[in-house]
PDBML (XML) file of the C-alpha atoms, coordinates in Angstrom:
<?xml version="1.0" encoding="UTF-8" ?>
<PDBx:datablock datablockName="MODEL"
   xmlns:PDBx="http://pdbml.pdb.org/schema/pdbx-v50.xsd"
   xmlns:xsi="http://www.w3.org/2001/XMLSchema-instance"
   xsi:schemaLocation="http://pdbml.pdb.org/schema/pdbx-v50.xsd pdbx-v50.xsd">
   <PDBx:atom_siteCategory>
      <PDBx:atom_site id="1">
         <PDBx:B_iso_or_equiv>0.00</PDBx:B_iso_or_equiv>
         <PDBx:Cartn_x>231.331</PDBx:Cartn_x>
         <PDBx:Cartn_y>122.983</PDBx:Cartn_y>
         <PDBx:Cartn_z>-137.948</PDBx:Cartn_z>
         <PDBx:auth_asym_id>A</PDBx:auth_asym_id>
         <PDBx:auth_atom_id>CA</PDBx:auth_atom_id>
         <PDBx:auth_comp_id>LYS</PDBx:auth_comp_id>
         <PDBx:auth_seq_id>1</PDBx:auth_seq_id>
         <PDBx:group_PDB>ATOM</PDBx:group_PDB>
         <PDBx:label_alt_id xsi:nil="true" />
         <PDBx:label_asym_id>A</PDBx:label_asym_id>
         <PDBx:label_atom_id>CA</PDBx:label_atom_id>
         <PDBx:label_comp_id>LYS</PDBx:label_comp_id>
         <PDBx:label_entity_id>1</PDBx:label_entity_id>
         <PDBx:label_seq_id>1</PDBx:label_seq_id>
         <PDBx:occupancy>1.00</PDBx:occupancy>
         <PDBx:pdbx_PDB_model_num>1</PDBx:pdbx_PDB_model_num>
         <PDBx:type_symbol>C</PDBx:type_symbol>
      </PDBx:atom_site>
      <PDBx:atom_site id="2">
         <PDBx:B_iso_or_equiv>0.00</PDBx:B_iso_or_equiv>
         <PDBx:Cartn_x>228.679</PDBx:Cartn_x>
         <PDBx:Cartn_y>121.352</PDBx:Cartn_y>
         <PDBx:Cartn_z>-135.773</PDBx:Cartn_z>
         <PDBx:auth_asym_id>A</PDBx:auth_asym_id>
         <PDBx:auth_atom_id>CA</PDBx:auth_atom_id>
         <PDBx:auth_comp_id>GLY</PDBx:auth_comp_id>
         <PDBx:auth_seq_id>2</PDBx:auth_seq_id>
         <PDBx:group_PDB>ATOM</PDBx:group_PDB>
         <PDBx:label_alt_id xsi:nil="true" />
         <PDBx:label_asym_id>A</PDBx:label_asym_id>
         <PDBx:label_atom_id>CA</PDBx:label_atom_id>
         <PDBx:label_comp_id>GLY</PDBx:label_comp_id>
         <PDBx:label_entity_id>1</PDBx:label_entity_id>
         <PDBx:label_seq_id>2</PDBx:label_seq_id>
         <PDBx:occupancy>1.00</PDBx:occupancy>
         <PDBx:pdbx_PDB_model_num>1</PDBx:pdbx_PDB_model_num>
         <PDBx:type_symbol>C</PDBx:type_symbol>
      </PDBx:atom_site>
      <PDBx:atom_site id="3">
         <PDBx:B_iso_or_equiv>0.00</PDBx:B_iso_or_equiv>
         <PDBx:Cartn_x>231.183</PDBx:Cartn_x>
         <PDBx:Cartn_y>119.265</PDBx:Cartn_y>
         <PDBx:Cartn_z>-133.800</PDBx:Cartn_z>
         <PDBx:auth_asym_id>A</PDBx:auth_asym_id>
         <PDBx:auth_atom_id>CA</PDBx:auth_atom_id>
         <PDBx:auth_comp_id>SER</PDBx:auth_comp_id>
         <PDBx:auth_seq_id>3</PDBx:auth_seq_id>
         <PDBx:group_PDB>ATOM</PDBx:group_PDB>
         <PDBx:label_alt_id xsi:nil="true" />
         <PDBx:label_asym_id>A</PDBx:label_asym_id>
         <PDBx:label_atom_id>CA</PDBx:label_atom_id>
         <PDBx:label_comp_id>SER</PDBx:label_comp_id>
         <PDBx:label_entity_id>1</PDBx:label_entity_id>
         <PDBx:label_seq_id>3</PDBx:label_seq_id>
         <PDBx:occupancy>1.00</PDBx:occupancy>
         <PDBx:pdbx_PDB_model_num>1</PDBx:pdbx_PDB_model_num>
         <PDBx:type_symbol>C</PDBx:type_symbol>
      </PDBx:atom_site>
      <PDBx:atom_site id="4">
         <PDBx:B_iso_or_equiv>0.00</PDBx:B_iso_or_equiv>
         <PDBx:Cartn_x>231.418</PDBx:Cartn_x>
         <PDBx:Cartn_y>118.746</PDBx:Cartn_y>
         <PDBx:Cartn_z>-130.048</PDBx:Cartn_z>
         <PDBx:auth_asym_id>A</PDBx:auth_asym_id>
         <PDBx:auth_atom_id>CA</PDBx:auth_atom_id>
         <PDBx:auth_comp_id>PHE</PDBx:auth_comp_id>
         <PDBx:auth_seq_id>4</PDBx:auth_seq_id>
         <PDBx:group_PDB>ATOM</PDBx:group_PDB>
         <PDBx:label_alt_id xsi:nil="true" />
         <PDBx:label_asym_id>A</PDBx:label_asym_id>
         <PDBx:label_atom_id>CA</PDBx:label_atom_id>
         <PDBx:label_comp_id>PHE</PDBx:label_comp_id>
         <PDBx:label_entity_id>1</PDBx:label_entity_id>
         <PDBx:label_seq_id>4</PDBx:label_seq_id>
         <PDBx:occupancy>1.00</PDBx:occupancy>
         <PDBx:pdbx_PDB_model_num>1</PDBx:pdbx_PDB_model_num>
         <PDBx:type_symbol>C</PDBx:type_symbol>
      </PDBx:atom_site>
      <PDBx:atom_site id="5">
         <PDBx:B_iso_or_equiv>0.00</PDBx:B_iso_or_equiv>
         <PDBx:Cartn_x>234.278</PDBx:Cartn_x>
         <PDBx:Cartn_y>119.515</PDBx:Cartn_y>
         <PDBx:Cartn_z>-127.641</PDBx:Cartn_z>
         <PDBx:auth_asym_id>A</PDBx:auth_asym_id>
         <PDBx:auth_atom_id>CA</PDBx:auth_atom_id>
         <PDBx:auth_comp_id>PHE</PDBx:auth_comp_id>
         <PDBx:auth_seq_id>5</PDBx:auth_seq_id>
         <PDBx:group_PDB>ATOM</PDBx:group_PDB>
         <PDBx:label_alt_id xsi:nil="true" />
         <PDBx:label_asym_id>A</PDBx:label_asym_id>
         <PDBx:label_atom_id>CA</PDBx:label_atom_id>
         <PDBx:label_comp_id>PHE</PDBx:label_comp_id>
         <PDBx:label_entity_id>1</PDBx:label_entity_id>
         <PDBx:label_seq_id>5</PDBx:label_seq_id>
         <PDBx:occupancy>1.00</PDBx:occupancy>
         <PDBx:pdbx_PDB_model_num>1</PDBx:pdbx_PDB_model_num>
         <PDBx:type_symbol>C</PDBx:type_symbol>
      </PDBx:atom_site>
      <PDBx:atom_site id="6">
         <PDBx:B_iso_or_equiv>0.00</PDBx:B_iso_or_equiv>
         <PDBx:Cartn_x>234.868</PDBx:Cartn_x>
         <PDBx:Cartn_y>117.764</PDBx:Cartn_y>
         <PDBx:Cartn_z>-124.296</PDBx:Cartn_z>
         <PDBx:auth_asym_id>A</PDBx:auth_asym_id>
         <PDBx:auth_atom_id>CA</PDBx:auth_atom_id>
         <PDBx:auth_comp_id>LEU</PDBx:auth_comp_id>
         <PDBx:auth_seq_id>6</PDBx:auth_seq_id>
         <PDBx:group_PDB>ATOM</PDBx:group_PDB>
         <PDBx:label_alt_id xsi:nil="true" />
         <PDBx:label_asym_id>A</PDBx:label_asym_id>
         <PDBx:label_atom_id>CA</PDBx:label_atom_id>
         <PDBx:label_comp_id>LEU</PDBx:label_comp_id>
         <PDBx:label_entity_id>1</PDBx:label_entity_id>
         <PDBx:label_seq_id>6</PDBx:label_seq_id>
         <PDBx:occupancy>1.00</PDBx:occupancy>
         <PDBx:pdbx_PDB_model_num>1</PDBx:pdbx_PDB_model_num>
         <PDBx:type_symbol>C</PDBx:type_symbol>
      </PDBx:atom_site>
      <PDBx:atom_site id="7">
         <PDBx:B_iso_or_equiv>0.00</PDBx:B_iso_or_equiv>
         <PDBx:Cartn_x>237.493</PDBx:Cartn_x>
         <PDBx:Cartn_y>118.485</PDBx:Cartn_y>
         <PDBx:Cartn_z>-121.644</PDBx:Cartn_z>
         <PDBx:auth_asym_id>A</PDBx:auth_asym_id>
         <PDBx:auth_atom_id>CA</PDBx:auth_atom_id>
         <PDBx:auth_comp_id>ASN</PDBx:auth_comp_id>
         <PDBx:auth_seq_id>7</PDBx:auth_seq_id>
         <PDBx:group_PDB>ATOM</PDBx:group_PDB>
         <PDBx:label_alt_id xsi:nil="true" />
         <PDBx:label_asym_id>A</PDBx:label_asym_id>
         <PDBx:label_atom_id>CA</PDBx:label_atom_id>
         <PDBx:label_comp_id>ASN</PDBx:label_comp_id>
         <PDBx:label_entity_id>1</PDBx:label_entity_id>
         <PDBx:label_seq_id>7</PDBx:label_seq_id>
         <PDBx:occupancy>1.00</PDBx:occupancy>
         <PDBx:pdbx_PDB_model_num>1</PDBx:pdbx_PDB_model_num>
         <PDBx:type_symbol>C</PDBx:type_symbol>
      </PDBx:atom_site>
      <PDBx:atom_site id="8">
         <PDBx:B_iso_or_equiv>0.00</PDBx:B_iso_or_equiv>
         <PDBx:Cartn_x>238.029</PDBx:Cartn_x>
         <PDBx:Cartn_y>116.458</PDBx:Cartn_y>
         <PDBx:Cartn_z>-118.476</PDBx:Cartn_z>
         <PDBx:auth_asym_id>A</PDBx:auth_asym_id>
         <PDBx:auth_atom_id>CA</PDBx:auth_atom_id>
         <PDBx:auth_comp_id>VAL</PDBx:auth_comp_id>
         <PDBx:auth_seq_id>8</PDBx:auth_seq_id>
         <PDBx:group_PDB>ATOM</PDBx:group_PDB>
         <PDBx:label_alt_id xsi:nil="true" />
         <PDBx:label_asym_id>A</PDBx:label_asym_id>
         <PDBx:label_atom_id>CA</PDBx:label_atom_id>
         <PDBx:label_comp_id>VAL</PDBx:label_comp_id>
         <PDBx:label_entity_id>1</PDBx:label_entity_id>
         <PDBx:label_seq_id>8</PDBx:label_seq_id>
         <PDBx:occupancy>1.00</PDBx:occupancy>
         <PDBx:pdbx_PDB_model_num>1</PDBx:pdbx_PDB_model_num>
         <PDBx:type_symbol>C</PDBx:type_symbol>
      </PDBx:atom_site>
      <PDBx:atom_site id="9">
         <PDBx:B_iso_or_equiv>0.00</PDBx:B_iso_or_equiv>
         <PDBx:Cartn_x>241.816</PDBx:Cartn_x>
         <PDBx:Cartn_y>116.832</PDBx:Cartn_y>
         <PDBx:Cartn_z>-118.264</PDBx:Cartn_z>
         <PDBx:auth_asym_id>A</PDBx:auth_asym_id>
         <PDBx:auth_atom_id>CA</PDBx:auth_atom_id>
         <PDBx:auth_comp_id>GLY</PDBx:auth_comp_id>
         <PDBx:auth_seq_id>9</PDBx:auth_seq_id>
         <PDBx:group_PDB>ATOM</PDBx:group_PDB>
         <PDBx:label_alt_id xsi:nil="true" />
         <PDBx:label_asym_id>A</PDBx:label_asym_id>
         <PDBx:label_atom_id>CA</PDBx:label_atom_id>
         <PDBx:label_comp_id>GLY</PDBx:label_comp_id>
         <PDBx:label_entity_id>1</PDBx:label_entity_id>
         <PDBx:label_seq_id>9</PDBx:label_seq_id>
         <PDBx:occupancy>1.00</PDBx:occupancy>
         <PDBx:pdbx_PDB_model_num>1</PDBx:pdbx_PDB_model_num>
         <PDBx:type_symbol>C</PDBx:type_symbol>
      </PDBx:atom_site>
      <PDBx:atom_site id="10">
         <PDBx:B_iso_or_equiv>0.00</PDBx:B_iso_or_equiv>
         <PDBx:Cartn_x>242.898</PDBx:Cartn_x>
         <PDBx:Cartn_y>120.279</PDBx:Cartn_y>
         <PDBx:Cartn_z>-117.100</PDBx:Cartn_z>
         <PDBx:auth_asym_id>A</PDBx:auth_asym_id>
         <PDBx:auth_atom_id>CA</PDBx:auth_atom_id>
         <PDBx:auth_comp_id>ARG</PDBx:auth_comp_id>
         <PDBx:auth_seq_id>10</PDBx:auth_seq_id>
         <PDBx:group_PDB>ATOM</PDBx:group_PDB>
         <PDBx:label_alt_id xsi:nil="true" />
         <PDBx:label_asym_id>A</PDBx:label_asym_id>
         <PDBx:label_atom_id>CA</PDBx:label_atom_id>
         <PDBx:label_comp_id>ARG</PDBx:label_comp_id>
         <PDBx:label_entity_id>1</PDBx:label_entity_id>
         <PDBx:label_seq_id>10</PDBx:label_seq_id>
         <PDBx:occupancy>1.00</PDBx:occupancy>
         <PDBx:pdbx_PDB_model_num>1</PDBx:pdbx_PDB_model_num>
         <PDBx:type_symbol>C</PDBx:type_symbol>
      </PDBx:atom_site>
      <PDBx:atom_site id="11">
         <PDBx:B_iso_or_equiv>0.00</PDBx:B_iso_or_equiv>
         <PDBx:Cartn_x>241.118</PDBx:Cartn_x>
         <PDBx:Cartn_y>123.578</PDBx:Cartn_y>
         <PDBx:Cartn_z>-117.565</PDBx:Cartn_z>
         <PDBx:auth_asym_id>A</PDBx:auth_asym_id>
         <PDBx:auth_atom_id>CA</PDBx:auth_atom_id>
         <PDBx:auth_comp_id>GLY</PDBx:auth_comp_id>
         <PDBx:auth_seq_id>11</PDBx:auth_seq_id>
         <PDBx:group_PDB>ATOM</PDBx:group_PDB>
         <PDBx:label_alt_id xsi:nil="true" />
         <PDBx:label_asym_id>A</PDBx:label_asym_id>
         <PDBx:label_atom_id>CA</PDBx:label_atom_id>
         <PDBx:label_comp_id>GLY</PDBx:label_comp_id>
         <PDBx:label_entity_id>1</PDBx:label_entity_id>
         <PDBx:label_seq_id>11</PDBx:label_seq_id>
         <PDBx:occupancy>1.00</PDBx:occupancy>
         <PDBx:pdbx_PDB_model_num>1</PDBx:pdbx_PDB_model_num>
         <PDBx:type_symbol>C</PDBx:type_symbol>
      </PDBx:atom_site>
      <PDBx:atom_site id="12">
         <PDBx:B_iso_or_equiv>0.00</PDBx:B_iso_or_equiv>
         <PDBx:Cartn_x>244.209</PDBx:Cartn_x>
         <PDBx:Cartn_y>125.481</PDBx:Cartn_y>
         <PDBx:Cartn_z>-118.657</PDBx:Cartn_z>
         <PDBx:auth_asym_id>A</PDBx:auth_asym_id>
         <PDBx:auth_atom_id>CA</PDBx:auth_atom_id>
         <PDBx:auth_comp_id>ASP</PDBx:auth_comp_id>
         <PDBx:auth_seq_id>12</PDBx:auth_seq_id>
         <PDBx:group_PDB>ATOM</PDBx:group_PDB>
         <PDBx:label_alt_id xsi:nil="true" />
         <PDBx:label_asym_id>A</PDBx:label_asym_id>
         <PDBx:label_atom_id>CA</PDBx:label_atom_id>
         <PDBx:label_comp_id>ASP</PDBx:label_comp_id>
         <PDBx:label_entity_id>1</PDBx:label_entity_id>
         <PDBx:label_seq_id>12</PDBx:label_seq_id>
         <PDBx:occupancy>1.00</PDBx:occupancy>
         <PDBx:pdbx_PDB_model_num>1</PDBx:pdbx_PDB_model_num>
         <PDBx:type_symbol>C</PDBx:type_symbol>
      </PDBx:atom_site>
      <PDBx:atom_site id="13">
         <PDBx:B_iso_or_equiv>0.00</PDBx:B_iso_or_equiv>
         <PDBx:Cartn_x>244.140</PDBx:Cartn_x>
         <PDBx:Cartn_y>123.599</PDBx:Cartn_y>
         <PDBx:Cartn_z>-121.965</PDBx:Cartn_z>
         <PDBx:auth_asym_id>A</PDBx:auth_asym_id>
         <PDBx:auth_atom_id>CA</PDBx:auth_atom_id>
         <PDBx:auth_comp_id>LEU</PDBx:auth_comp_id>
         <PDBx:auth_seq_id>13</PDBx:auth_seq_id>
         <PDBx:group_PDB>ATOM</PDBx:group_PDB>
         <PDBx:label_alt_id xsi:nil="true" />
         <PDBx:label_asym_id>A</PDBx:label_asym_id>
         <PDBx:label_atom_id>CA</PDBx:label_atom_id>
         <PDBx:label_comp_id>LEU</PDBx:label_comp_id>
         <PDBx:label_entity_id>1</PDBx:label_entity_id>
         <PDBx:label_seq_id>13</PDBx:label_seq_id>
         <PDBx:occupancy>1.00</PDBx:occupancy>
         <PDBx:pdbx_PDB_model_num>1</PDBx:pdbx_PDB_model_num>
         <PDBx:type_symbol>C</PDBx:type_symbol>
      </PDBx:atom_site>
      <PDBx:atom_site id="14">
         <PDBx:B_iso_or_equiv>0.00</PDBx:B_iso_or_equiv>
         <PDBx:Cartn_x>241.334</PDBx:Cartn_x>
         <PDBx:Cartn_y>125.944</PDBx:Cartn_y>
         <PDBx:Cartn_z>-123.044</PDBx:Cartn_z>
         <PDBx:auth_asym_id>A</PDBx:auth_asym_id>
         <PDBx:auth_atom_id>CA</PDBx:auth_atom_id>
         <PDBx:auth_comp_id>VAL</PDBx:auth_comp_id>
         <PDBx:auth_seq_id>14</PDBx:auth_seq_id>
         <PDBx:group_PDB>ATOM</PDBx:group_PDB>
         <PDBx:label_alt_id xsi:nil="true" />
         <PDBx:label_asym_id>A</PDBx:label_asym_id>
         <PDBx:label_atom_id>CA</PDBx:label_atom_id>
         <PDBx:label_comp_id>VAL</PDBx:label_comp_id>
         <PDBx:label_entity_id>1</PDBx:label_entity_id>
         <PDBx:label_seq_id>14</PDBx:label_seq_id>
         <PDBx:occupancy>1.00</PDBx:occupancy>
         <PDBx:pdbx_PDB_model_num>1</PDBx:pdbx_PDB_model_num>
         <PDBx:type_symbol>C</PDBx:type_symbol>
      </PDBx:atom_site>
      <PDBx:atom_site id="15">
         <PDBx:B_iso_or_equiv>0.00</PDBx:B_iso_or_equiv>
         <PDBx:Cartn_x>241.138</PDBx:Cartn_x>
         <PDBx:Cartn_y>129.612</PDBx:Cartn_y>
         <PDBx:Cartn_z>-123.964</PDBx:Cartn_z>
         <PDBx:auth_asym_id>A</PDBx:auth_asym_id>
         <PDBx:auth_atom_id>CA</PDBx:auth_atom_id>
         <PDBx:auth_comp_id>ASP</PDBx:auth_comp_id>
         <PDBx:auth_seq_id>15</PDBx:auth_seq_id>
         <PDBx:group_PDB>ATOM</PDBx:group_PDB>
         <PDBx:label_alt_id xsi:nil="true" />
         <PDBx:label_asym_id>A</PDBx:label_asym_id>
         <PDBx:label_atom_id>CA</PDBx:label_atom_id>
         <PDBx:label_comp_id>ASP</PDBx:label_comp_id>
         <PDBx:label_entity_id>1</PDBx:label_entity_id>
         <PDBx:label_seq_id>15</PDBx:label_seq_id>
         <PDBx:occupancy>1.00</PDBx:occupancy>
         <PDBx:pdbx_PDB_model_num>1</PDBx:pdbx_PDB_model_num>
         <PDBx:type_symbol>C</PDBx:type_symbol>
      </PDBx:atom_site>
      <PDBx:atom_site id="16">
         <PDBx:B_iso_or_equiv>0.00</PDBx:B_iso_or_equiv>
         <PDBx:Cartn_x>237.669</PDBx:Cartn_x>
         <PDBx:Cartn_y>129.994</PDBx:Cartn_y>
         <PDBx:Cartn_z>-122.486</PDBx:Cartn_z>
         <PDBx:auth_asym_id>A</PDBx:auth_asym_id>
         <PDBx:auth_atom_id>CA</PDBx:auth_atom_id>
         <PDBx:auth_comp_id>THR</PDBx:auth_comp_id>
         <PDBx:auth_seq_id>16</PDBx:auth_seq_id>
         <PDBx:group_PDB>ATOM</PDBx:group_PDB>
         <PDBx:label_alt_id xsi:nil="true" />
         <PDBx:label_asym_id>A</PDBx:label_asym_id>
         <PDBx:label_atom_id>CA</PDBx:label_atom_id>
         <PDBx:label_comp_id>THR</PDBx:label_comp_id>
         <PDBx:label_entity_id>1</PDBx:label_entity_id>
         <PDBx:label_seq_id>16</PDBx:label_seq_id>
         <PDBx:occupancy>1.00</PDBx:occupancy>
         <PDBx:pdbx_PDB_model_num>1</PDBx:pdbx_PDB_model_num>
         <PDBx:type_symbol>C</PDBx:type_symbol>
      </PDBx:atom_site>
      <PDBx:atom_site id="17">
         <PDBx:B_iso_or_equiv>0.00</PDBx:B_iso_or_equiv>
         <PDBx:Cartn_x>236.913</PDBx:Cartn_x>
         <PDBx:Cartn_y>133.242</PDBx:Cartn_y>
         <PDBx:Cartn_z>-124.314</PDBx:Cartn_z>
         <PDBx:auth_asym_id>A</PDBx:auth_asym_id>
         <PDBx:auth_atom_id>CA</PDBx:auth_atom_id>
         <PDBx:auth_comp_id>ASP</PDBx:auth_comp_id>
         <PDBx:auth_seq_id>17</PDBx:auth_seq_id>
         <PDBx:group_PDB>ATOM</PDBx:group_PDB>
         <PDBx:label_alt_id xsi:nil="true" />
         <PDBx:label_asym_id>A</PDBx:label_asym_id>
         <PDBx:label_atom_id>CA</PDBx:label_atom_id>
         <PDBx:label_comp_id>ASP</PDBx:label_comp_id>
         <PDBx:label_entity_id>1</PDBx:label_entity_id>
         <PDBx:label_seq_id>17</PDBx:label_seq_id>
         <PDBx:occupancy>1.00</PDBx:occupancy>
         <PDBx:pdbx_PDB_model_num>1</PDBx:pdbx_PDB_model_num>
         <PDBx:type_symbol>C</PDBx:type_symbol>
      </PDBx:atom_site>
      <PDBx:atom_site id="18">
         <PDBx:B_iso_or_equiv>0.00</PDBx:B_iso_or_equiv>
         <PDBx:Cartn_x>237.671</PDBx:Cartn_x>
         <PDBx:Cartn_y>131.492</PDBx:Cartn_y>
         <PDBx:Cartn_z>-127.617</PDBx:Cartn_z>
         <PDBx:auth_asym_id>A</PDBx:auth_asym_id>
         <PDBx:auth_atom_id>CA</PDBx:auth_atom_id>
         <PDBx:auth_comp_id>ALA</PDBx:auth_comp_id>
         <PDBx:auth_seq_id>18</PDBx:auth_seq_id>
         <PDBx:group_PDB>ATOM</PDBx:group_PDB>
         <PDBx:label_alt_id xsi:nil="true" />
         <PDBx:label_asym_id>A</PDBx:label_asym_id>
         <PDBx:label_atom_id>CA</PDBx:label_atom_id>
         <PDBx:label_comp_id>ALA</PDBx:label_comp_id>
         <PDBx:label_entity_id>1</PDBx:label_entity_id>
         <PDBx:label_seq_id>18</PDBx:label_seq_id>
         <PDBx:occupancy>1.00</PDBx:occupancy>
         <PDBx:pdbx_PDB_model_num>1</PDBx:pdbx_PDB_model_num>
         <PDBx:type_symbol>C</PDBx:type_symbol>
      </PDBx:atom_site>
      <PDBx:atom_site id="19">
         <PDBx:B_iso_or_equiv>0.00</PDBx:B_iso_or_equiv>
         <PDBx:Cartn_x>235.429</PDBx:Cartn_x>
         <PDBx:Cartn_y>128.593</PDBx:Cartn_y>
         <PDBx:Cartn_z>-126.622</PDBx:Cartn_z>
         <PDBx:auth_asym_id>A</PDBx:auth_asym_id>
         <PDBx:auth_atom_id>CA</PDBx:auth_atom_id>
         <PDBx:auth_comp_id>LEU</PDBx:auth_comp_id>
         <PDBx:auth_seq_id>19</PDBx:auth_seq_id>
         <PDBx:group_PDB>ATOM</PDBx:group_PDB>
         <PDBx:label_alt_id xsi:nil="true" />
         <PDBx:label_asym_id>A</PDBx:label_asym_id>
         <PDBx:label_atom_id>CA</PDBx:label_atom_id>
         <PDBx:label_comp_id>LEU</PDBx:label_comp_id>
         <PDBx:label_entity_id>1</PDBx:label_entity_id>
         <PDBx:label_seq_id>19</PDBx:label_seq_id>
         <PDBx:occupancy>1.00</PDBx:occupancy>
         <PDBx:pdbx_PDB_model_num>1</PDBx:pdbx_PDB_model_num>
         <PDBx:type_symbol>C</PDBx:type_symbol>
      </PDBx:atom_site>
      <PDBx:atom_site id="20">
         <PDBx:B_iso_or_equiv>0.00</PDBx:B_iso_or_equiv>
         <PDBx:Cartn_x>232.584</PDBx:Cartn_x>
         <PDBx:Cartn_y>130.971</PDBx:Cartn_y>
         <PDBx:Cartn_z>-125.782</PDBx:Cartn_z>
         <PDBx:auth_asym_id>A</PDBx:auth_asym_id>
         <PDBx:auth_atom_id>CA</PDBx:auth_atom_id>
         <PDBx:auth_comp_id>CYS</PDBx:auth_comp_id>
         <PDBx:auth_seq_id>20</PDBx:auth_seq_id>
         <PDBx:group_PDB>ATOM</PDBx:group_PDB>
         <PDBx:label_alt_id xsi:nil="true" />
         <PDBx:label_asym_id>A</PDBx:label_asym_id>
         <PDBx:label_atom_id>CA</PDBx:label_atom_id>
         <PDBx:label_comp_id>CYS</PDBx:label_comp_id>
         <PDBx:label_entity_id>1</PDBx:label_entity_id>
         <PDBx:label_seq_id>20</PDBx:label_seq_id>
         <PDBx:occupancy>1.00</PDBx:occupancy>
         <PDBx:pdbx_PDB_model_num>1</PDBx:pdbx_PDB_model_num>
         <PDBx:type_symbol>C</PDBx:type_symbol>
      </PDBx:atom_site>
      <PDBx:atom_site id="21">
         <PDBx:B_iso_or_equiv>0.00</PDBx:B_iso_or_equiv>
         <PDBx:Cartn_x>232.986</PDBx:Cartn_x>
         <PDBx:Cartn_y>132.623</PDBx:Cartn_y>
         <PDBx:Cartn_z>-129.185</PDBx:Cartn_z>
         <PDBx:auth_asym_id>A</PDBx:auth_asym_id>
         <PDBx:auth_atom_id>CA</PDBx:auth_atom_id>
         <PDBx:auth_comp_id>GLN</PDBx:auth_comp_id>
         <PDBx:auth_seq_id>21</PDBx:auth_seq_id>
         <PDBx:group_PDB>ATOM</PDBx:group_PDB>
         <PDBx:label_alt_id xsi:nil="true" />
         <PDBx:label_asym_id>A</PDBx:label_asym_id>
         <PDBx:label_atom_id>CA</PDBx:label_atom_id>
         <PDBx:label_comp_id>GLN</PDBx:label_comp_id>
         <PDBx:label_entity_id>1</PDBx:label_entity_id>
         <PDBx:label_seq_id>21</PDBx:label_seq_id>
         <PDBx:occupancy>1.00</PDBx:occupancy>
         <PDBx:pdbx_PDB_model_num>1</PDBx:pdbx_PDB_model_num>
         <PDBx:type_symbol>C</PDBx:type_symbol>
      </PDBx:atom_site>
      <PDBx:atom_site id="22">
         <PDBx:B_iso_or_equiv>0.00</PDBx:B_iso_or_equiv>
         <PDBx:Cartn_x>232.876</PDBx:Cartn_x>
         <PDBx:Cartn_y>129.251</PDBx:Cartn_y>
         <PDBx:Cartn_z>-130.950</PDBx:Cartn_z>
         <PDBx:auth_asym_id>A</PDBx:auth_asym_id>
         <PDBx:auth_atom_id>CA</PDBx:auth_atom_id>
         <PDBx:auth_comp_id>ALA</PDBx:auth_comp_id>
         <PDBx:auth_seq_id>22</PDBx:auth_seq_id>
         <PDBx:group_PDB>ATOM</PDBx:group_PDB>
         <PDBx:label_alt_id xsi:nil="true" />
         <PDBx:label_asym_id>A</PDBx:label_asym_id>
         <PDBx:label_atom_id>CA</PDBx:label_atom_id>
         <PDBx:label_comp_id>ALA</PDBx:label_comp_id>
         <PDBx:label_entity_id>1</PDBx:label_entity_id>
         <PDBx:label_seq_id>22</PDBx:label_seq_id>
         <PDBx:occupancy>1.00</PDBx:occupancy>
         <PDBx:pdbx_PDB_model_num>1</PDBx:pdbx_PDB_model_num>
         <PDBx:type_symbol>C</PDBx:type_symbol>
      </PDBx:atom_site>
      <PDBx:atom_site id="23">
         <PDBx:B_iso_or_equiv>0.00</PDBx:B_iso_or_equiv>
         <PDBx:Cartn_x>229.676</PDBx:Cartn_x>
         <PDBx:Cartn_y>128.361</PDBx:Cartn_y>
         <PDBx:Cartn_z>-129.089</PDBx:Cartn_z>
         <PDBx:auth_asym_id>A</PDBx:auth_asym_id>
         <PDBx:auth_atom_id>CA</PDBx:auth_atom_id>
         <PDBx:auth_comp_id>LEU</PDBx:auth_comp_id>
         <PDBx:auth_seq_id>23</PDBx:auth_seq_id>
         <PDBx:group_PDB>ATOM</PDBx:group_PDB>
         <PDBx:label_alt_id xsi:nil="true" />
         <PDBx:label_asym_id>A</PDBx:label_asym_id>
         <PDBx:label_atom_id>CA</PDBx:label_atom_id>
         <PDBx:label_comp_id>LEU</PDBx:label_comp_id>
         <PDBx:label_entity_id>1</PDBx:label_entity_id>
         <PDBx:label_seq_id>23</PDBx:label_seq_id>
         <PDBx:occupancy>1.00</PDBx:occupancy>
         <PDBx:pdbx_PDB_model_num>1</PDBx:pdbx_PDB_model_num>
         <PDBx:type_symbol>C</PDBx:type_symbol>
      </PDBx:atom_site>
      <PDBx:atom_site id="24">
         <PDBx:B_iso_or_equiv>0.00</PDBx:B_iso_or_equiv>
         <PDBx:Cartn_x>228.038</PDBx:Cartn_x>
         <PDBx:Cartn_y>131.757</PDBx:Cartn_y>
         <PDBx:Cartn_z>-129.627</PDBx:Cartn_z>
         <PDBx:auth_asym_id>A</PDBx:auth_asym_id>
         <PDBx:auth_atom_id>CA</PDBx:auth_atom_id>
         <PDBx:auth_comp_id>ALA</PDBx:auth_comp_id>
         <PDBx:auth_seq_id>24</PDBx:auth_seq_id>
         <PDBx:group_PDB>ATOM</PDBx:group_PDB>
         <PDBx:label_alt_id xsi:nil="true" />
         <PDBx:label_asym_id>A</PDBx:label_asym_id>
         <PDBx:label_atom_id>CA</PDBx:label_atom_id>
         <PDBx:label_comp_id>ALA</PDBx:label_comp_id>
         <PDBx:label_entity_id>1</PDBx:label_entity_id>
         <PDBx:label_seq_id>24</PDBx:label_seq_id>
         <PDBx:occupancy>1.00</PDBx:occupancy>
         <PDBx:pdbx_PDB_model_num>1</PDBx:pdbx_PDB_model_num>
         <PDBx:type_symbol>C</PDBx:type_symbol>
      </PDBx:atom_site>
   </PDBx:atom_siteCategory>
</PDBx:datablock>
């Protein structure tokens, strides 16, 4: 909790909906 996530590789690594939920 309170950590940071970075991605500069490929976008398909990420479930973007799940990322949005984790940010929200």
